[in-house]
């Protein structure tokens, strides 16, 4: 089976909250990666999402360099919409 990973950068203008993190994350740009697999049983190319992750950078001086967390793409879309509405 063929897999692919796509990457995009999202930018938040305000602190935001997404399930899976201990608290609000600071405003800034974040890398979001989506892993998908090709569905081969169809007569046309179609991809199924396997996972979506977001990279959270570490805080300067902290022992954690950063983290990658699996997120729900709908939760990300909601957080981005709330950020845009607050702007």
PDB file of N, CA and C in Angstrom:
ATOM      1  N   UNK A   1       0.831  -1.175   0.000  1.00  0.00           N
ATOM      2  CA  UNK A   1       0.000   0.000   0.000  1.00  0.00           C
ATOM      3  C   UNK A   1       0.879   1.243   0.000  1.00  0.00           C
ATOM      4  N   UNK A   2       0.477   2.244  -0.734  1.00  0.00           N
ATOM      5  CA  UNK A   2       1.246   3.480  -0.848  1.00  0.00           C
ATOM      6  C   UNK A   2       0.761   4.497   0.194  1.00  0.00           C
ATOM      7  N   UNK A   3       1.713   5.127   0.880  1.00  0.00           N
ATOM      8  CA  UNK A   3       1.382   6.146   1.871  1.00  0.00           C
ATOM      9  C   UNK A   3       1.984   7.474   1.448  1.00  0.00           C
ATOM     10  N   UNK A   4       1.401   8.559   1.951  1.00  0.00           N
ATOM     11  CA  UNK A   4       1.971   9.882   1.730  1.00  0.00           C
ATOM     12  C   UNK A   4       1.750  10.727   2.977  1.00  0.00           C
ATOM     13  N   UNK A   5       2.601  11.716   3.143  1.00  0.00           N
ATOM     14  CA  UNK A   5       2.472  12.667   4.236  1.00  0.00           C
ATOM     15  C   UNK A   5       2.509  14.064   3.644  1.00  0.00           C
ATOM     16  N   UNK A   6       1.504  14.860   3.989  1.00  0.00           N
ATOM     17  CA  UNK A   6       1.479  16.249   3.551  1.00  0.00           C
ATOM     18  C   UNK A   6       1.699  17.131   4.765  1.00  0.00           C
ATOM     19  N   UNK A   7       2.300  18.279   4.524  1.00  0.00           N
ATOM     20  CA  UNK A   7       2.640  19.190   5.608  1.00  0.00           C
ATOM     21  C   UNK A   7       2.133  20.582   5.269  1.00  0.00           C
ATOM     22  N   UNK A   8       1.623  21.283   6.273  1.00  0.00           N
ATOM     23  CA  UNK A   8       1.213  22.666   6.076  1.00  0.00           C
ATOM     24  C   UNK A   8       1.508  23.438   7.355  1.00  0.00           C
ATOM     25  N   UNK A   9       1.616  24.735   7.222  1.00  0.00           N
ATOM     26  CA  UNK A   9       1.839  25.601   8.367  1.00  0.00           C
ATOM     27  C   UNK A   9       0.556  26.357   8.658  1.00  0.00           C
ATOM     28  N   UNK A  10       0.126  26.324   9.912  1.00  0.00           N
ATOM     29  CA  UNK A  10      -1.032  27.104  10.342  1.00  0.00           C
ATOM     30  C   UNK A  10      -0.535  28.170  11.306  1.00  0.00           C
ATOM     31  N   UNK A  11      -1.186  29.310  11.299  1.00  0.00           N
ATOM     32  CA  UNK A  11      -0.774  30.413  12.160  1.00  0.00           C
ATOM     33  C   UNK A  11      -1.939  30.866  13.020  1.00  0.00           C
ATOM     34  N   UNK A  12      -1.679  30.940  14.312  1.00  0.00           N
ATOM     35  CA  UNK A  12      -2.654  31.434  15.276  1.00  0.00           C
ATOM     36  C   UNK A  12      -2.223  32.827  15.729  1.00  0.00           C
ATOM     37  N   UNK A  13      -3.146  33.764  15.725  1.00  0.00           N
ATOM     38  CA  UNK A  13      -2.859  35.120  16.175  1.00  0.00           C
ATOM     39  C   UNK A  13      -3.047  35.301  17.663  1.00  0.00           C
ATOM     40  N   UNK A  14      -3.661  34.312  18.293  1.00  0.00           N
ATOM     41  CA  UNK A  14      -3.963  34.364  19.726  1.00  0.00           C
ATOM     42  C   UNK A  14      -3.637  33.001  20.344  1.00  0.00           C
ATOM     43  N   UNK A  15      -3.446  32.948  21.664  1.00  0.00           N
ATOM     44  CA  UNK A  15      -3.294  31.632  22.304  1.00  0.00           C
ATOM     45  C   UNK A  15      -4.508  30.752  21.973  1.00  0.00           C
ATOM     46  N   UNK A  16      -4.279  29.456  21.861  1.00  0.00           N
ATOM     47  CA  UNK A  16      -5.358  28.550  21.464  1.00  0.00           C
ATOM     48  C   UNK A  16      -5.333  27.272  22.281  1.00  0.00           C
ATOM     49  N   UNK A  17      -6.457  26.572  22.252  1.00  0.00           N
ATOM     50  CA  UNK A  17      -6.596  25.316  22.977  1.00  0.00           C
ATOM     51  C   UNK A  17      -7.055  24.237  21.997  1.00  0.00           C
ATOM     52  N   UNK A  18      -6.374  23.099  22.033  1.00  0.00           N
ATOM     53  CA  UNK A  18      -6.787  21.910  21.275  1.00  0.00           C
ATOM     54  C   UNK A  18      -6.691  20.737  22.234  1.00  0.00           C
ATOM     55  N   UNK A  19      -7.692  19.866  22.222  1.00  0.00           N
ATOM     56  CA  UNK A  19      -7.672  18.680  23.085  1.00  0.00           C
ATOM     57  C   UNK A  19      -6.376  17.909  22.888  1.00  0.00           C
ATOM     58  N   UNK A  20      -5.832  17.419  23.984  1.00  0.00           N
ATOM     59  CA  UNK A  20      -4.605  16.642  23.929  1.00  0.00           C
ATOM     60  C   UNK A  20      -3.411  17.372  24.509  1.00  0.00           C
ATOM     61  N   UNK A  21      -3.560  18.669  24.756  1.00  0.00           N
ATOM     62  CA  UNK A  21      -2.490  19.449  25.358  1.00  0.00           C
ATOM     63  C   UNK A  21      -2.876  19.850  26.770  1.00  0.00           C
ATOM     64  N   UNK A  22      -1.856  20.103  27.594  1.00  0.00           N
ATOM     65  CA  UNK A  22      -2.091  20.417  28.996  1.00  0.00           C
ATOM     66  C   UNK A  22      -2.755  21.768  29.211  1.00  0.00           C
ATOM     67  N   UNK A  23      -2.638  22.663  28.284  1.00  0.00           N
ATOM     68  CA  UNK A  23      -3.213  23.989  28.443  1.00  0.00           C
ATOM     69  C   UNK A  23      -3.125  24.759  27.148  1.00  0.00           C
ATOM     70  N   UNK A  24      -3.394  26.057  27.225  1.00  0.00           N
ATOM     71  CA  UNK A  24      -3.342  26.885  26.019  1.00  0.00           C
ATOM     72  C   UNK A  24      -1.930  26.924  25.433  1.00  0.00           C
ATOM     73  N   UNK A  25      -1.868  26.981  24.135  1.00  0.00           N
ATOM     74  CA  UNK A  25      -0.600  27.108  23.423  1.00  0.00           C
ATOM     75  C   UNK A  25      -0.457  28.551  22.961  1.00  0.00           C
ATOM     76  N   UNK A  26       0.761  29.069  22.897  1.00  0.00           N
ATOM     77  CA  UNK A  26       0.942  30.467  22.511  1.00  0.00           C
ATOM     78  C   UNK A  26       0.645  30.712  21.030  1.00  0.00           C
ATOM     79  N   UNK A  27       0.320  31.947  20.720  1.00  0.00           N
ATOM     80  CA  UNK A  27       0.122  32.344  19.326  1.00  0.00           C
ATOM     81  C   UNK A  27       1.411  32.080  18.554  1.00  0.00           C
ATOM     82  N   UNK A  28       1.273  31.806  17.270  1.00  0.00           N
ATOM     83  CA  UNK A  28       2.445  31.566  16.444  1.00  0.00           C
ATOM     84  C   UNK A  28       2.119  30.621  15.305  1.00  0.00           C
ATOM     85  N   UNK A  29       3.158  30.204  14.594  1.00  0.00           N
ATOM     86  CA  UNK A  29       3.016  29.290  13.458  1.00  0.00           C
ATOM     87  C   UNK A  29       3.386  27.876  13.890  1.00  0.00           C
ATOM     88  N   UNK A  30       2.614  26.910  13.415  1.00  0.00           N
ATOM     89  CA  UNK A  30       2.781  25.511  13.785  1.00  0.00           C
ATOM     90  C   UNK A  30       2.725  24.640  12.539  1.00  0.00           C
ATOM     91  N   UNK A  31       3.515  23.581  12.528  1.00  0.00           N
ATOM     92  CA  UNK A  31       3.508  22.630  11.420  1.00  0.00           C
ATOM     93  C   UNK A  31       2.501  21.526  11.713  1.00  0.00           C
ATOM     94  N   UNK A  32       1.629  21.279  10.741  1.00  0.00           N
ATOM     95  CA  UNK A  32       0.627  20.218  10.841  1.00  0.00           C
ATOM     96  C   UNK A  32       0.900  19.221   9.729  1.00  0.00           C
ATOM     97  N   UNK A  33       1.007  17.948  10.087  1.00  0.00           N
ATOM     98  CA  UNK A  33       1.266  16.893   9.106  1.00  0.00           C
ATOM     99  C   UNK A  33       0.107  15.906   9.085  1.00  0.00           C
ATOM    100  N   UNK A  34      -0.270  15.489   7.875  1.00  0.00           N
ATOM    101  CA  UNK A  34      -1.343  14.516   7.711  1.00  0.00           C
ATOM    102  C   UNK A  34      -0.790  13.310   6.950  1.00  0.00           C
ATOM    103  N   UNK A  35      -0.928  12.140   7.545  1.00  0.00           N
ATOM    104  CA  UNK A  35      -0.509  10.885   6.908  1.00  0.00           C
ATOM    105  C   UNK A  35      -1.748  10.222   6.313  1.00  0.00           C
ATOM    106  N   UNK A  36      -1.602   9.765   5.068  1.00  0.00           N
ATOM    107  CA  UNK A  36      -2.715   9.138   4.357  1.00  0.00           C
ATOM    108  C   UNK A  36      -2.232   7.879   3.639  1.00  0.00           C
ATOM    109  N   UNK A  37      -3.176   6.990   3.355  1.00  0.00           N
ATOM    110  CA  UNK A  37      -2.857   5.807   2.563  1.00  0.00           C
ATOM    111  C   UNK A  37      -3.763   5.759   1.349  1.00  0.00           C
ATOM    112  N   UNK A  38      -3.222   5.237   0.261  1.00  0.00           N
ATOM    113  CA  UNK A  38      -3.959   5.105  -0.987  1.00  0.00           C
ATOM    114  C   UNK A  38      -4.920   3.921  -0.883  1.00  0.00           C
ATOM    115  N   UNK A  39      -6.170   4.162  -1.234  1.00  0.00           N
ATOM    116  CA  UNK A  39      -7.160   3.081  -1.277  1.00  0.00           C
ATOM    117  C   UNK A  39      -7.080   2.449  -2.658  1.00  0.00           C
ATOM    118  N   UNK A  40      -6.667   1.207  -2.717  1.00  0.00           N
ATOM    119  CA  UNK A  40      -6.414   0.565  -4.006  1.00  0.00           C
ATOM    120  C   UNK A  40      -7.610  -0.198  -4.566  1.00  0.00           C
ATOM    121  N   UNK A  41      -8.676  -0.320  -3.813  1.00  0.00           N
ATOM    122  CA  UNK A  41      -9.819  -1.097  -4.284  1.00  0.00           C
ATOM    123  C   UNK A  41     -10.730  -0.280  -5.203  1.00  0.00           C
ATOM    124  N   UNK A  42     -10.403   0.992  -5.397  1.00  0.00           N
ATOM    125  CA  UNK A  42     -11.250   1.847  -6.218  1.00  0.00           C
ATOM    126  C   UNK A  42     -10.667   1.996  -7.620  1.00  0.00           C
ATOM    127  N   UNK A  43     -11.496   2.410  -8.564  1.00  0.00           N
ATOM    128  CA  UNK A  43     -11.034   2.598  -9.937  1.00  0.00           C
ATOM    129  C   UNK A  43     -10.437   3.995 -10.160  1.00  0.00           C
ATOM    130  N   UNK A  44     -10.388   4.792  -9.121  1.00  0.00           N
ATOM    131  CA  UNK A  44      -9.802   6.135  -9.187  1.00  0.00           C
ATOM    132  C   UNK A  44      -8.984   6.353  -7.919  1.00  0.00           C
ATOM    133  N   UNK A  45      -7.990   7.235  -7.952  1.00  0.00           N
ATOM    134  CA  UNK A  45      -7.155   7.446  -6.765  1.00  0.00           C
ATOM    135  C   UNK A  45      -7.941   8.139  -5.653  1.00  0.00           C
ATOM    136  N   UNK A  46      -7.883   7.560  -4.486  1.00  0.00           N
ATOM    137  CA  UNK A  46      -8.517   8.149  -3.303  1.00  0.00           C
ATOM    138  C   UNK A  46      -7.618   7.861  -2.108  1.00  0.00           C
ATOM    139  N   UNK A  47      -7.554   8.812  -1.189  1.00  0.00           N
ATOM    140  CA  UNK A  47      -6.688   8.697  -0.025  1.00  0.00           C
ATOM    141  C   UNK A  47      -7.523   8.690   1.243  1.00  0.00           C
ATOM    142  N   UNK A  48      -7.088   7.883   2.202  1.00  0.00           N
ATOM    143  CA  UNK A  48      -7.749   7.824   3.516  1.00  0.00           C
ATOM    144  C   UNK A  48      -6.777   8.365   4.551  1.00  0.00           C
ATOM    145  N   UNK A  49      -7.270   9.301   5.376  1.00  0.00           N
ATOM    146  CA  UNK A  49      -6.423   9.890   6.419  1.00  0.00           C
ATOM    147  C   UNK A  49      -6.146   8.863   7.500  1.00  0.00           C
ATOM    148  N   UNK A  50      -4.885   8.735   7.859  1.00  0.00           N
ATOM    149  CA  UNK A  50      -4.477   7.841   8.943  1.00  0.00           C
ATOM    150  C   UNK A  50      -4.292   8.614  10.247  1.00  0.00           C
ATOM    151  N   UNK A  51      -3.651   9.795  10.146  1.00  0.00           N
ATOM    152  CA  UNK A  51      -3.435  10.603  11.343  1.00  0.00           C
ATOM    153  C   UNK A  51      -3.115  12.038  10.955  1.00  0.00           C
ATOM    154  N   UNK A  52      -3.373  12.929  11.891  1.00  0.00           N
ATOM    155  CA  UNK A  52      -2.997  14.336  11.747  1.00  0.00           C
ATOM    156  C   UNK A  52      -2.256  14.716  13.015  1.00  0.00           C
ATOM    157  N   UNK A  53      -1.071  15.307  12.852  1.00  0.00           N
ATOM    158  CA  UNK A  53      -0.268  15.692  14.010  1.00  0.00           C
ATOM    159  C   UNK A  53       0.097  17.172  13.917  1.00  0.00           C
ATOM    160  N   UNK A  54       0.385  17.756  15.072  1.00  0.00           N
ATOM    161  CA  UNK A  54       0.842  19.131  15.146  1.00  0.00           C
ATOM    162  C   UNK A  54       2.122  19.158  15.962  1.00  0.00           C
ATOM    163  N   UNK A  55       3.080  19.949  15.518  1.00  0.00           N
ATOM    164  CA  UNK A  55       4.364  20.090  16.213  1.00  0.00           C
ATOM    165  C   UNK A  55       4.298  21.311  17.113  1.00  0.00           C
ATOM    166  N   UNK A  56       4.499  21.079  18.397  1.00  0.00           N
ATOM    167  CA  UNK A  56       4.519  22.155  19.381  1.00  0.00           C
ATOM    168  C   UNK A  56       5.969  22.354  19.800  1.00  0.00           C
ATOM    169  N   UNK A  57       6.536  23.540  19.550  1.00  0.00           N
ATOM    170  CA  UNK A  57       7.939  23.752  19.923  1.00  0.00           C
ATOM    171  C   UNK A  57       8.101  23.816  21.440  1.00  0.00           C
ATOM    172  N   UNK A  58       9.295  23.487  21.891  1.00  0.00           N
ATOM    173  CA  UNK A  58       9.593  23.565  23.315  1.00  0.00           C
ATOM    174  C   UNK A  58       9.736  25.015  23.770  1.00  0.00           C
ATOM    175  N   UNK A  59       9.694  25.208  25.057  1.00  0.00           N
ATOM    176  CA  UNK A  59       9.860  26.529  25.648  1.00  0.00           C
ATOM    177  C   UNK A  59      11.335  26.710  25.977  1.00  0.00           C
ATOM    178  N   UNK A  60      11.877  27.856  25.650  1.00  0.00           N
ATOM    179  CA  UNK A  60      13.297  28.125  25.911  1.00  0.00           C
ATOM    180  C   UNK A  60      13.605  27.912  27.385  1.00  0.00           C
ATOM    181  N   UNK A  61      14.644  27.145  27.661  1.00  0.00           N
ATOM    182  CA  UNK A  61      15.061  26.878  29.031  1.00  0.00           C
ATOM    183  C   UNK A  61      14.361  25.695  29.680  1.00  0.00           C
ATOM    184  N   UNK A  62      13.354  25.137  29.007  1.00  0.00           N
ATOM    185  CA  UNK A  62      12.638  23.983  29.567  1.00  0.00           C
ATOM    186  C   UNK A  62      13.360  22.705  29.170  1.00  0.00           C
ATOM    187  N   UNK A  63      13.093  21.631  29.913  1.00  0.00           N
ATOM    188  CA  UNK A  63      13.747  20.356  29.615  1.00  0.00           C
ATOM    189  C   UNK A  63      13.126  19.657  28.408  1.00  0.00           C
ATOM    190  N   UNK A  64      11.926  20.037  27.997  1.00  0.00           N
ATOM    191  CA  UNK A  64      11.264  19.434  26.846  1.00  0.00           C
ATOM    192  C   UNK A  64      11.613  20.246  25.603  1.00  0.00           C
ATOM    193  N   UNK A  65      12.175  19.577  24.598  1.00  0.00           N
ATOM    194  CA  UNK A  65      12.587  20.250  23.370  1.00  0.00           C
ATOM    195  C   UNK A  65      11.369  20.644  22.544  1.00  0.00           C
ATOM    196  N   UNK A  66      10.361  19.850  22.574  1.00  0.00           N
ATOM    197  CA  UNK A  66       9.134  20.063  21.817  1.00  0.00           C
ATOM    198  C   UNK A  66       8.318  18.793  21.853  1.00  0.00           C
ATOM    199  N   UNK A  67       7.158  18.822  21.241  1.00  0.00           N
ATOM    200  CA  UNK A  67       6.349  17.617  21.210  1.00  0.00           C
ATOM    201  C   UNK A  67       5.532  17.569  19.931  1.00  0.00           C
ATOM    202  N   UNK A  68       5.171  16.364  19.566  1.00  0.00           N
ATOM    203  CA  UNK A  68       4.285  16.126  18.439  1.00  0.00           C
ATOM    204  C   UNK A  68       3.078  15.407  18.998  1.00  0.00           C
ATOM    205  N   UNK A  69       1.902  15.926  18.693  1.00  0.00           N
ATOM    206  CA  UNK A  69       0.683  15.323  19.225  1.00  0.00           C
ATOM    207  C   UNK A  69      -0.290  15.034  18.100  1.00  0.00           C
ATOM    208  N   UNK A  70      -0.968  13.915  18.203  1.00  0.00           N
ATOM    209  CA  UNK A  70      -2.028  13.571  17.261  1.00  0.00           C
ATOM    210  C   UNK A  70      -3.262  14.387  17.623  1.00  0.00           C
ATOM    211  N   UNK A  71      -3.867  15.004  16.619  1.00  0.00           N
ATOM    212  CA  UNK A  71      -5.041  15.843  16.852  1.00  0.00           C
ATOM    213  C   UNK A  71      -6.145  15.465  15.880  1.00  0.00           C
ATOM    214  N   UNK A  72      -7.339  15.889  16.210  1.00  0.00           N
ATOM    215  CA  UNK A  72      -8.497  15.728  15.341  1.00  0.00           C
ATOM    216  C   UNK A  72      -8.507  16.916  14.372  1.00  0.00           C
ATOM    217  N   UNK A  73      -8.511  16.686  13.061  1.00  0.00           N
ATOM    218  CA  UNK A  73      -8.494  17.798  12.114  1.00  0.00           C
ATOM    219  C   UNK A  73      -9.677  18.748  12.294  1.00  0.00           C
ATOM    220  N   UNK A  74     -10.820  18.230  12.725  1.00  0.00           N
ATOM    221  CA  UNK A  74     -11.974  19.092  12.969  1.00  0.00           C
ATOM    222  C   UNK A  74     -11.721  20.013  14.161  1.00  0.00           C
ATOM    223  N   UNK A  75     -11.012  19.517  15.187  1.00  0.00           N
ATOM    224  CA  UNK A  75     -10.673  20.354  16.336  1.00  0.00           C
ATOM    225  C   UNK A  75      -9.714  21.458  15.911  1.00  0.00           C
ATOM    226  N   UNK A  76      -8.792  21.141  15.009  1.00  0.00           N
ATOM    227  CA  UNK A  76      -7.877  22.157  14.485  1.00  0.00           C
ATOM    228  C   UNK A  76      -8.654  23.212  13.713  1.00  0.00           C
ATOM    229  N   UNK A  77      -9.571  22.785  12.854  1.00  0.00           N
ATOM    230  CA  UNK A  77     -10.376  23.739  12.082  1.00  0.00           C
ATOM    231  C   UNK A  77     -11.186  24.643  13.007  1.00  0.00           C
ATOM    232  N   UNK A  78     -11.732  24.070  14.078  1.00  0.00           N
ATOM    233  CA  UNK A  78     -12.505  24.854  15.040  1.00  0.00           C
ATOM    234  C   UNK A  78     -11.623  25.871  15.733  1.00  0.00           C
ATOM    235  N   UNK A  79     -10.424  25.456  16.162  1.00  0.00           N
ATOM    236  CA  UNK A  79      -9.504  26.365  16.828  1.00  0.00           C
ATOM    237  C   UNK A  79      -9.079  27.499  15.904  1.00  0.00           C
ATOM    238  N   UNK A  80      -8.842  27.192  14.626  1.00  0.00           N
ATOM    239  CA  UNK A  80      -8.469  28.226  13.659  1.00  0.00           C
ATOM    240  C   UNK A  80      -9.628  29.198  13.423  1.00  0.00           C
ATOM    241  N   UNK A  81     -10.851  28.678  13.362  1.00  0.00           N
ATOM    242  CA  UNK A  81     -12.020  29.539  13.168  1.00  0.00           C
ATOM    243  C   UNK A  81     -12.230  30.459  14.368  1.00  0.00           C
ATOM    244  N   UNK A  82     -12.060  29.929  15.575  1.00  0.00           N
ATOM    245  CA  UNK A  82     -12.194  30.753  16.786  1.00  0.00           C
ATOM    246  C   UNK A  82     -11.113  31.825  16.818  1.00  0.00           C
ATOM    247  N   UNK A  83      -9.908  31.479  16.392  1.00  0.00           N
ATOM    248  CA  UNK A  83      -8.811  32.443  16.355  1.00  0.00           C
ATOM    249  C   UNK A  83      -9.122  33.569  15.371  1.00  0.00           C
ATOM    250  N   UNK A  84      -9.635  33.198  14.204  1.00  0.00           N
ATOM    251  CA  UNK A  84      -9.975  34.202  13.182  1.00  0.00           C
ATOM    252  C   UNK A  84     -11.103  35.114  13.666  1.00  0.00           C
ATOM    253  N   UNK A  85     -12.083  34.540  14.367  1.00  0.00           N
ATOM    254  CA  UNK A  85     -13.207  35.329  14.870  1.00  0.00           C
ATOM    255  C   UNK A  85     -12.768  36.299  15.966  1.00  0.00           C
ATOM    256  N   UNK A  86     -11.742  35.924  16.709  1.00  0.00           N
ATOM    257  CA  UNK A  86     -11.246  36.777  17.796  1.00  0.00           C
ATOM    258  C   UNK A  86     -10.403  37.931  17.275  1.00  0.00           C
ATOM    259  N   UNK A  87      -9.981  37.827  15.998  1.00  0.00           N
ATOM    260  CA  UNK A  87      -9.032  38.753  15.438  1.00  0.00           C
ATOM    261  C   UNK A  87      -9.567  40.069  15.019  1.00  0.00           C
TER     262      UNK A  87
END
